[in-house]
Amino acid sequence: FPKEQFCVLDLEHFKGSIDHGMSLIENCLGLEPMGRPYEKTKINTRGTKKGVVPMLDETRVMLNTFFRPYNEKFCSLHLAPIGCETTWLKEWST
């Protein structure tokens, strides 16, 4: 399939404003804007479990090393609208 047929988003597109995320979807699908505010939906309402310790630095390094070629390949696809501008992909952009 051509990459123009994919609309790749992550939760960062919805974090600040559900309307922003939905407008990206409408644009990808070639739809006219709805022109009304969207209702917020609770996502991951459980939050972080109490007592969970942060990820160890060596674990983060190991995961970054393992996923590096996959993240680089993903960024090289230049999929819209995600691109590589989201927090978790910025270091992989070329």
Protein backbone atom coordinates (compact mmCIF):
# COMPACT_ATOMS: atom_id res chain seq x y z
CA PHE A 1 0.00 0.00 0.00
CA PRO A 2 1.23 3.52 -0.68
CA LYS A 3 2.25 5.42 2.45
CA GLU A 4 -0.30 8.14 1.62
CA GLN A 5 -3.01 5.66 2.59
CA PHE A 6 -1.76 5.48 6.18
CA CYS A 7 -2.63 7.89 8.95
CA VAL A 8 -0.30 7.26 11.90
CA LEU A 9 -1.01 9.03 15.18
CA ASP A 10 -0.04 8.51 18.76
CA LEU A 11 -1.62 9.70 21.98
CA GLU A 12 0.51 12.86 21.99
CA HIS A 13 -1.74 14.14 19.19
CA PHE A 14 -4.70 13.92 21.55
CA LYS A 15 -3.04 14.80 24.85
CA GLY A 16 -3.46 18.56 24.68
CA SER A 17 -6.62 18.68 22.61
CA ILE A 18 -8.90 15.94 21.33
CA ASP A 19 -10.01 18.39 18.63
CA HIS A 20 -6.44 18.59 17.29
CA GLY A 21 -6.14 14.81 17.03
CA MET A 22 -9.53 14.47 15.40
CA SER A 23 -8.75 17.22 12.89
CA LEU A 24 -5.61 15.27 11.89
CA ILE A 25 -7.77 12.19 11.29
CA GLU A 26 -10.32 14.19 9.28
CA ASN A 27 -7.51 15.65 7.18
CA CYS A 28 -5.94 12.22 6.56
CA LEU A 29 -9.30 10.83 5.47
CA GLY A 30 -10.10 13.86 3.29
CA LEU A 31 -13.20 14.69 5.35
CA GLU A 32 -14.64 18.13 5.92
CA PRO A 33 -14.06 19.33 9.50
CA MET A 34 -16.96 18.53 11.80
CA GLY A 35 -16.87 22.06 13.20
CA ARG A 36 -17.87 21.00 16.68
CA PRO A 37 -15.91 20.14 19.76
CA TYR A 38 -15.37 16.45 20.39
CA GLU A 39 -16.11 14.85 23.71
CA LYS A 40 -13.12 13.81 25.75
CA THR A 41 -12.76 10.13 26.46
CA LYS A 42 -10.85 8.86 29.43
CA ILE A 43 -7.82 6.86 28.37
CA ASN A 44 -5.81 4.75 30.77
CA THR A 45 -7.70 5.92 33.83
CA ARG A 46 -5.89 3.47 36.11
CA GLY A 47 -2.72 5.49 35.89
CA THR A 48 0.54 4.17 37.23
CA LYS A 49 0.36 1.61 39.97
CA LYS A 50 1.62 2.81 43.30
CA GLY A 51 4.98 1.47 44.29
CA VAL A 52 6.23 0.93 40.73
CA VAL A 53 9.83 2.04 40.45
CA PRO A 54 11.07 3.99 37.42
CA MET A 55 12.80 2.11 34.62
CA LEU A 56 16.47 1.39 35.26
CA ASP A 57 18.88 3.39 33.08
CA GLU A 58 20.54 0.18 31.83
CA THR A 59 17.12 -1.18 30.83
CA ARG A 60 16.36 1.99 28.86
CA VAL A 61 19.74 1.73 27.10
CA MET A 62 19.14 -1.95 26.28
CA LEU A 63 15.66 -1.20 24.84
CA ASN A 64 16.90 1.82 22.86
CA THR A 65 19.71 -0.28 21.41
CA PHE A 66 17.38 -3.12 20.47
CA PHE A 67 14.72 -0.89 18.88
CA ARG A 68 17.13 1.55 17.18
CA PRO A 69 17.01 -0.04 13.68
CA TYR A 70 13.21 -0.35 13.84
CA ASN A 71 12.74 3.25 14.96
CA GLU A 72 15.13 4.51 12.29
CA LYS A 73 13.28 2.55 9.61
CA PHE A 74 9.92 3.80 10.90
CA CYS A 75 11.13 7.42 10.76
CA SER A 76 12.54 6.93 7.26
CA LEU A 77 9.01 6.16 6.03
CA HIS A 78 7.96 9.77 6.72
CA LEU A 79 4.41 8.76 7.55
CA ALA A 80 1.93 11.59 8.10
CA PRO A 81 1.04 13.13 10.40
CA ILE A 82 3.23 11.42 13.00
CA GLY A 83 6.53 12.01 11.26
CA CYS A 84 9.27 11.80 13.86
CA GLU A 85 8.28 14.83 15.86
CA THR A 86 6.69 12.99 18.77
CA THR A 87 8.70 12.76 21.97
CA TRP A 88 9.54 9.08 21.65
CA LEU A 89 10.79 9.35 18.04
CA LYS A 90 12.72 12.64 17.95
CA GLU A 91 16.13 11.06 18.44
CA TRP A 92 15.55 8.69 15.49
CA SER A 93 14.75 11.32 12.86
CA THR A 94 17.27 11.65 10.07
